[in-house]
Amino acid sequence: MLRLDFTKAEHNDILEGAGFTKRQRDIYQRLRDDYPYERQSVVQIADEMHLGTATVSREIKRIQLKIIRVIK
């Protein structure tokens, strides 16, 4: 699972610079600790977004690669 231990400013920089698709942005925000209630699991995200867990996992991998590009 992707661990997002960034400050709020860093989260905003990542959102602006990573070039996330709408789906990736939604998943990224659901993985954050400050999501409205708590961070969600892959299964919870898949359930709420009406996607398969494999699809969510693939998107998380793509999100990770985009975050790495922004950080470097």
N, C-alpha and C. Protein backbone atom coordinates (compact mmCIF):
# COMPACT_ATOMS: atom_id res chain seq x y z
N MET A 1 0.85 -1.18 0.00
CA MET A 1 0.00 0.00 0.00
C MET A 1 0.89 1.24 0.00
N LEU A 2 0.47 2.20 -0.73
CA LEU A 2 1.19 3.46 -0.84
C LEU A 2 1.03 4.25 0.45
N ARG A 3 2.15 4.64 1.05
CA ARG A 3 2.12 5.43 2.29
C ARG A 3 2.41 6.88 1.91
N LEU A 4 1.49 7.77 2.23
CA LEU A 4 1.61 9.16 1.82
C LEU A 4 1.89 10.04 3.03
N ASP A 5 3.12 10.07 3.47
CA ASP A 5 3.52 10.88 4.61
C ASP A 5 4.11 12.20 4.13
N PHE A 6 3.28 13.05 3.57
CA PHE A 6 3.70 14.34 3.07
C PHE A 6 2.96 15.43 3.82
N THR A 7 3.54 16.62 3.82
CA THR A 7 2.84 17.76 4.41
C THR A 7 1.73 18.17 3.45
N LYS A 8 0.85 19.03 3.94
CA LYS A 8 -0.25 19.50 3.11
C LYS A 8 0.27 20.23 1.87
N ALA A 9 1.33 21.03 2.04
CA ALA A 9 1.92 21.74 0.91
C ALA A 9 2.50 20.77 -0.12
N GLU A 10 3.15 19.71 0.37
CA GLU A 10 3.71 18.71 -0.53
C GLU A 10 2.61 17.98 -1.29
N HIS A 11 1.49 17.68 -0.59
CA HIS A 11 0.35 17.04 -1.27
C HIS A 11 -0.15 17.94 -2.40
N ASN A 12 -0.26 19.23 -2.12
CA ASN A 12 -0.74 20.16 -3.15
C ASN A 12 0.22 20.22 -4.33
N ASP A 13 1.52 20.24 -4.05
CA ASP A 13 2.52 20.25 -5.13
C ASP A 13 2.42 18.99 -5.98
N ILE A 14 2.23 17.87 -5.33
CA ILE A 14 2.09 16.60 -6.06
C ILE A 14 0.84 16.63 -6.92
N LEU A 15 -0.28 17.09 -6.37
CA LEU A 15 -1.52 17.15 -7.14
C LEU A 15 -1.37 18.05 -8.37
N GLU A 16 -0.65 19.15 -8.22
CA GLU A 16 -0.48 20.08 -9.34
C GLU A 16 0.51 19.56 -10.37
N GLY A 17 1.58 18.91 -9.92
CA GLY A 17 2.66 18.56 -10.83
C GLY A 17 2.64 17.16 -11.40
N ALA A 18 1.85 16.27 -10.82
CA ALA A 18 1.92 14.87 -11.23
C ALA A 18 1.14 14.57 -12.50
N GLY A 19 0.16 15.36 -12.82
CA GLY A 19 -0.64 15.09 -14.01
C GLY A 19 -1.55 13.89 -13.85
N PHE A 20 -2.16 13.77 -12.67
CA PHE A 20 -3.07 12.66 -12.41
C PHE A 20 -4.33 12.77 -13.28
N THR A 21 -4.85 11.61 -13.68
CA THR A 21 -6.17 11.57 -14.30
C THR A 21 -7.20 11.79 -13.18
N LYS A 22 -8.45 11.99 -13.56
CA LYS A 22 -9.50 12.20 -12.55
C LYS A 22 -9.57 11.00 -11.61
N ARG A 23 -9.51 9.81 -12.17
CA ARG A 23 -9.57 8.59 -11.37
C ARG A 23 -8.37 8.50 -10.42
N GLN A 24 -7.19 8.78 -10.93
CA GLN A 24 -5.99 8.73 -10.09
C GLN A 24 -6.04 9.77 -8.98
N ARG A 25 -6.53 10.95 -9.29
CA ARG A 25 -6.65 12.01 -8.28
C ARG A 25 -7.60 11.56 -7.16
N ASP A 26 -8.70 10.94 -7.54
CA ASP A 26 -9.67 10.47 -6.55
C ASP A 26 -9.06 9.38 -5.67
N ILE A 27 -8.36 8.44 -6.26
CA ILE A 27 -7.71 7.37 -5.50
C ILE A 27 -6.64 7.96 -4.60
N TYR A 28 -5.83 8.87 -5.13
CA TYR A 28 -4.77 9.50 -4.34
C TYR A 28 -5.36 10.17 -3.09
N GLN A 29 -6.43 10.90 -3.27
CA GLN A 29 -7.03 11.60 -2.14
C GLN A 29 -7.63 10.62 -1.12
N ARG A 30 -8.14 9.50 -1.59
CA ARG A 30 -8.69 8.50 -0.67
C ARG A 30 -7.59 7.79 0.12
N LEU A 31 -6.37 7.77 -0.43
CA LEU A 31 -5.25 7.13 0.27
C LEU A 31 -4.62 8.04 1.32
N ARG A 32 -4.94 9.31 1.28
CA ARG A 32 -4.34 10.27 2.21
C ARG A 32 -4.90 10.08 3.62
N ASP A 33 -4.07 10.40 4.61
CA ASP A 33 -4.49 10.29 6.01
C ASP A 33 -5.60 11.27 6.36
N ASP A 34 -5.64 12.41 5.68
CA ASP A 34 -6.63 13.42 6.03
C ASP A 34 -7.87 13.36 5.14
N TYR A 35 -8.09 12.22 4.47
CA TYR A 35 -9.34 12.02 3.74
C TYR A 35 -10.46 12.16 4.75
N PRO A 36 -11.64 12.66 4.36
CA PRO A 36 -12.67 13.04 5.33
C PRO A 36 -12.76 12.24 6.62
N TYR A 37 -12.57 10.96 6.58
CA TYR A 37 -12.66 10.20 7.83
C TYR A 37 -11.35 9.51 8.16
N GLU A 38 -10.89 8.68 7.28
CA GLU A 38 -9.63 7.97 7.48
C GLU A 38 -9.17 7.43 6.14
N ARG A 39 -7.92 7.02 6.09
CA ARG A 39 -7.38 6.45 4.87
C ARG A 39 -8.17 5.18 4.55
N GLN A 40 -8.39 4.94 3.27
CA GLN A 40 -9.17 3.79 2.86
C GLN A 40 -8.27 2.70 2.28
N SER A 41 -8.73 1.47 2.38
CA SER A 41 -8.00 0.34 1.81
C SER A 41 -8.35 0.20 0.33
N VAL A 42 -7.59 -0.62 -0.35
CA VAL A 42 -7.85 -0.87 -1.78
C VAL A 42 -9.26 -1.41 -1.97
N VAL A 43 -9.69 -2.30 -1.10
CA VAL A 43 -11.03 -2.89 -1.22
C VAL A 43 -12.10 -1.81 -1.02
N GLN A 44 -11.93 -0.95 -0.03
CA GLN A 44 -12.91 0.12 0.20
C GLN A 44 -12.97 1.07 -1.00
N ILE A 45 -11.80 1.43 -1.52
CA ILE A 45 -11.76 2.33 -2.67
C ILE A 45 -12.45 1.69 -3.87
N ALA A 46 -12.13 0.42 -4.12
CA ALA A 46 -12.73 -0.30 -5.25
C ALA A 46 -14.24 -0.36 -5.10
N ASP A 47 -14.71 -0.63 -3.90
CA ASP A 47 -16.14 -0.70 -3.63
C ASP A 47 -16.83 0.63 -3.91
N GLU A 48 -16.30 1.69 -3.38
CA GLU A 48 -16.95 2.99 -3.51
C GLU A 48 -16.87 3.56 -4.93
N MET A 49 -15.81 3.20 -5.65
CA MET A 49 -15.64 3.73 -7.01
C MET A 49 -16.17 2.76 -8.07
N HIS A 50 -16.72 1.63 -7.64
CA HIS A 50 -17.27 0.62 -8.55
C HIS A 50 -16.21 0.14 -9.54
N LEU A 51 -15.04 -0.18 -8.98
CA LEU A 51 -13.92 -0.72 -9.76
C LEU A 51 -13.48 -2.03 -9.13
N GLY A 52 -12.70 -2.78 -9.87
CA GLY A 52 -12.11 -3.99 -9.31
C GLY A 52 -10.88 -3.64 -8.49
N THR A 53 -10.53 -4.52 -7.57
CA THR A 53 -9.35 -4.27 -6.74
C THR A 53 -8.08 -4.28 -7.59
N ALA A 54 -8.04 -5.08 -8.65
CA ALA A 54 -6.87 -5.11 -9.53
C ALA A 54 -6.71 -3.77 -10.25
N THR A 55 -7.82 -3.18 -10.66
CA THR A 55 -7.77 -1.87 -11.32
C THR A 55 -7.24 -0.81 -10.37
N VAL A 56 -7.73 -0.81 -9.14
CA VAL A 56 -7.27 0.17 -8.15
C VAL A 56 -5.78 -0.04 -7.89
N SER A 57 -5.36 -1.28 -7.76
CA SER A 57 -3.93 -1.56 -7.52
C SER A 57 -3.06 -1.07 -8.67
N ARG A 58 -3.53 -1.27 -9.92
CA ARG A 58 -2.78 -0.77 -11.09
C ARG A 58 -2.68 0.75 -11.06
N GLU A 59 -3.78 1.39 -10.72
CA GLU A 59 -3.78 2.86 -10.66
C GLU A 59 -2.84 3.35 -9.56
N ILE A 60 -2.79 2.65 -8.44
CA ILE A 60 -1.88 3.03 -7.35
C ILE A 60 -0.43 2.94 -7.83
N LYS A 61 -0.11 1.91 -8.60
CA LYS A 61 1.26 1.79 -9.13
C LYS A 61 1.58 2.97 -10.05
N ARG A 62 0.61 3.35 -10.88
CA ARG A 62 0.82 4.51 -11.76
C ARG A 62 0.97 5.79 -10.96
N ILE A 63 0.18 5.93 -9.91
CA ILE A 63 0.27 7.09 -9.02
C ILE A 63 1.66 7.15 -8.39
N GLN A 64 2.15 6.01 -7.93
CA GLN A 64 3.48 5.96 -7.32
C GLN A 64 4.55 6.44 -8.30
N LEU A 65 4.48 5.99 -9.54
CA LEU A 65 5.47 6.39 -10.55
C LEU A 65 5.41 7.89 -10.81
N LYS A 66 4.19 8.44 -10.85
CA LYS A 66 4.04 9.88 -11.08
C LYS A 66 4.57 10.68 -9.89
N ILE A 67 4.34 10.19 -8.68
CA ILE A 67 4.85 10.87 -7.49
C ILE A 67 6.37 10.87 -7.49
N ILE A 68 6.96 9.75 -7.85
CA ILE A 68 8.43 9.65 -7.91
C ILE A 68 8.99 10.64 -8.91
N ARG A 69 8.32 10.80 -10.06
CA ARG A 69 8.77 11.78 -11.07
C ARG A 69 8.70 13.20 -10.52
N VAL A 70 7.67 13.51 -9.75
CA VAL A 70 7.51 14.87 -9.21
C VAL A 70 8.57 15.13 -8.14
N ILE A 71 8.87 14.13 -7.32
CA ILE A 71 9.80 14.30 -6.22
C ILE A 71 11.24 14.47 -6.72
N LYS A 72 11.60 13.76 -7.77
CA LYS A 72 12.99 13.80 -8.26
C LYS A 72 13.33 15.09 -8.93
